[in-house]
Amino acid sequence: MKVDRCICHNISFSQIKKIVEARKFSSIDELRAENICSTNCKLCDPYIREMLKTGETVFQSKRFK
């Protein structure tokens, strides 16, 4: 299954990436402070961290322990 968005905020990682680039954000904390993503269930956390590191915006579902 592909993962491409923060479900709670219904925003795609590609949209988040555009915001990151436009505002020159470098951390998930900056995104949270602006209430853009990852403030509710936080299931997208590992994917957003990976997006910030690699620039990728679509991932295969991972099972995190």
N, C-alpha and C. Protein backbone atom coordinates (compact mmCIF):
# COMPACT_ATOMS: atom_id res chain seq x y z
N MET A 1 0.84 -1.17 0.00
CA MET A 1 0.00 0.00 0.00
C MET A 1 0.89 1.24 0.00
N LYS A 2 0.53 2.23 -0.82
CA LYS A 2 1.32 3.46 -0.86
C LYS A 2 0.84 4.43 0.21
N VAL A 3 1.79 5.16 0.75
CA VAL A 3 1.50 6.19 1.74
C VAL A 3 1.97 7.50 1.13
N ASP A 4 1.03 8.46 0.99
CA ASP A 4 1.40 9.70 0.33
C ASP A 4 0.81 10.94 0.99
N ARG A 5 0.28 10.78 2.23
CA ARG A 5 -0.36 11.94 2.85
C ARG A 5 -0.48 11.80 4.36
N CYS A 6 -0.67 12.93 4.99
CA CYS A 6 -1.07 12.99 6.40
C CYS A 6 -2.58 12.85 6.39
N ILE A 7 -3.06 11.77 6.93
CA ILE A 7 -4.50 11.48 6.89
C ILE A 7 -5.30 12.46 7.74
N CYS A 8 -4.83 12.77 8.92
CA CYS A 8 -5.59 13.64 9.83
C CYS A 8 -5.82 15.04 9.24
N HIS A 9 -4.82 15.54 8.53
CA HIS A 9 -4.94 16.88 7.95
C HIS A 9 -5.32 16.83 6.47
N ASN A 10 -5.42 15.62 5.92
CA ASN A 10 -5.75 15.42 4.51
C ASN A 10 -4.90 16.29 3.59
N ILE A 11 -3.58 16.19 3.78
CA ILE A 11 -2.63 16.93 2.96
C ILE A 11 -1.57 15.96 2.47
N SER A 12 -1.28 16.02 1.17
CA SER A 12 -0.30 15.09 0.60
C SER A 12 1.12 15.51 0.97
N PHE A 13 2.00 14.53 0.95
CA PHE A 13 3.40 14.82 1.22
C PHE A 13 3.98 15.75 0.16
N SER A 14 3.49 15.67 -1.07
CA SER A 14 3.99 16.59 -2.10
C SER A 14 3.56 18.03 -1.79
N GLN A 15 2.36 18.21 -1.24
CA GLN A 15 1.94 19.55 -0.83
C GLN A 15 2.78 20.03 0.36
N ILE A 16 3.05 19.13 1.28
CA ILE A 16 3.87 19.48 2.43
C ILE A 16 5.28 19.85 1.97
N LYS A 17 5.81 19.11 1.02
CA LYS A 17 7.15 19.41 0.50
C LYS A 17 7.20 20.81 -0.10
N LYS A 18 6.17 21.20 -0.82
CA LYS A 18 6.12 22.56 -1.39
C LYS A 18 6.13 23.62 -0.29
N ILE A 19 5.40 23.36 0.78
CA ILE A 19 5.38 24.29 1.91
C ILE A 19 6.76 24.37 2.56
N VAL A 20 7.38 23.22 2.75
CA VAL A 20 8.72 23.15 3.34
C VAL A 20 9.69 23.99 2.51
N GLU A 21 9.64 23.82 1.21
CA GLU A 21 10.56 24.55 0.33
C GLU A 21 10.25 26.05 0.34
N ALA A 22 8.99 26.41 0.29
CA ALA A 22 8.61 27.82 0.25
C ALA A 22 8.96 28.56 1.54
N ARG A 23 8.78 27.88 2.67
CA ARG A 23 9.02 28.52 3.97
C ARG A 23 10.38 28.19 4.55
N LYS A 24 11.14 27.38 3.81
CA LYS A 24 12.49 26.98 4.23
C LYS A 24 12.49 26.27 5.59
N PHE A 25 11.48 25.42 5.79
CA PHE A 25 11.42 24.61 7.00
C PHE A 25 12.43 23.47 6.90
N SER A 26 12.89 23.02 8.04
CA SER A 26 13.83 21.90 8.04
C SER A 26 13.47 20.82 9.05
N SER A 27 12.35 21.00 9.76
CA SER A 27 11.99 20.00 10.77
C SER A 27 10.47 19.78 10.83
N ILE A 28 10.14 18.64 11.36
CA ILE A 28 8.73 18.31 11.55
C ILE A 28 8.11 19.22 12.62
N ASP A 29 8.91 19.68 13.56
CA ASP A 29 8.41 20.57 14.60
C ASP A 29 7.91 21.89 14.01
N GLU A 30 8.57 22.38 12.98
CA GLU A 30 8.13 23.61 12.31
C GLU A 30 6.78 23.39 11.63
N LEU A 31 6.60 22.24 11.02
CA LEU A 31 5.34 21.90 10.38
C LEU A 31 4.22 21.77 11.41
N ARG A 32 4.53 21.15 12.53
CA ARG A 32 3.53 21.01 13.61
C ARG A 32 3.14 22.37 14.17
N ALA A 33 4.12 23.24 14.37
CA ALA A 33 3.86 24.56 14.94
C ALA A 33 2.88 25.36 14.09
N GLU A 34 2.92 25.11 12.78
CA GLU A 34 2.01 25.80 11.85
C GLU A 34 0.73 24.99 11.61
N ASN A 35 0.58 23.86 12.33
CA ASN A 35 -0.60 22.99 12.21
C ASN A 35 -0.82 22.49 10.79
N ILE A 36 0.28 22.16 10.13
CA ILE A 36 0.23 21.70 8.74
C ILE A 36 0.03 20.18 8.68
N CYS A 37 0.70 19.47 9.58
CA CYS A 37 0.61 18.01 9.57
C CYS A 37 1.15 17.45 10.89
N SER A 38 0.91 16.16 11.08
CA SER A 38 1.47 15.40 12.19
C SER A 38 1.18 15.99 13.57
N THR A 39 -0.04 16.42 13.79
CA THR A 39 -0.40 16.94 15.10
C THR A 39 -1.42 16.07 15.81
N ASN A 40 -2.02 15.12 15.12
CA ASN A 40 -3.05 14.28 15.74
C ASN A 40 -2.51 12.88 16.01
N CYS A 41 -2.74 11.95 15.10
CA CYS A 41 -2.35 10.56 15.33
C CYS A 41 -0.85 10.33 15.17
N LYS A 42 -0.20 11.16 14.40
CA LYS A 42 1.26 11.11 14.16
C LYS A 42 1.73 9.85 13.41
N LEU A 43 0.80 9.16 12.75
CA LEU A 43 1.21 8.00 11.95
C LEU A 43 2.09 8.41 10.77
N CYS A 44 1.98 9.65 10.35
CA CYS A 44 2.78 10.12 9.21
C CYS A 44 4.19 10.53 9.61
N ASP A 45 4.47 10.63 10.91
CA ASP A 45 5.77 11.09 11.39
C ASP A 45 6.97 10.48 10.67
N PRO A 46 7.08 9.14 10.64
CA PRO A 46 8.28 8.56 10.01
C PRO A 46 8.37 8.89 8.51
N TYR A 47 7.24 9.02 7.86
CA TYR A 47 7.23 9.33 6.44
C TYR A 47 7.62 10.79 6.18
N ILE A 48 7.15 11.68 7.02
CA ILE A 48 7.51 13.09 6.86
C ILE A 48 8.99 13.28 7.17
N ARG A 49 9.49 12.59 8.17
CA ARG A 49 10.92 12.67 8.47
C ARG A 49 11.74 12.18 7.28
N GLU A 50 11.30 11.10 6.67
CA GLU A 50 11.98 10.57 5.49
C GLU A 50 11.88 11.54 4.32
N MET A 51 10.72 12.18 4.14
CA MET A 51 10.54 13.17 3.09
C MET A 51 11.50 14.34 3.28
N LEU A 52 11.63 14.80 4.52
CA LEU A 52 12.55 15.90 4.80
C LEU A 52 13.99 15.52 4.50
N LYS A 53 14.32 14.26 4.72
CA LYS A 53 15.68 13.78 4.51
C LYS A 53 15.98 13.50 3.03
N THR A 54 15.01 12.91 2.32
CA THR A 54 15.28 12.44 0.96
C THR A 54 14.58 13.22 -0.15
N GLY A 55 13.50 13.91 0.20
CA GLY A 55 12.70 14.60 -0.81
C GLY A 55 11.63 13.73 -1.44
N GLU A 56 11.59 12.45 -1.09
CA GLU A 56 10.56 11.56 -1.62
C GLU A 56 9.20 11.93 -1.04
N THR A 57 8.14 11.68 -1.81
CA THR A 57 6.80 12.04 -1.34
C THR A 57 5.80 10.88 -1.39
N VAL A 58 6.22 9.72 -1.86
CA VAL A 58 5.37 8.54 -1.88
C VAL A 58 6.19 7.38 -1.35
N PHE A 59 5.61 6.64 -0.41
CA PHE A 59 6.33 5.57 0.26
C PHE A 59 5.49 4.30 0.28
N GLN A 60 6.17 3.18 0.40
CA GLN A 60 5.48 1.93 0.65
C GLN A 60 5.20 1.86 2.14
N SER A 61 4.05 1.36 2.51
CA SER A 61 3.66 1.26 3.91
C SER A 61 4.72 0.49 4.69
N LYS A 62 5.07 1.02 5.86
CA LYS A 62 6.03 0.36 6.74
C LYS A 62 5.30 -0.02 8.02
N ARG A 63 5.76 -1.06 8.62
CA ARG A 63 5.20 -1.45 9.91
C ARG A 63 6.23 -1.07 10.97
N PHE A 64 5.91 -0.05 11.73
CA PHE A 64 6.81 0.43 12.76
C PHE A 64 6.41 -0.16 14.10
N LYS A 65 7.40 -0.52 14.87
CA LYS A 65 7.13 -1.11 16.20
C LYS A 65 7.29 -0.05 17.25
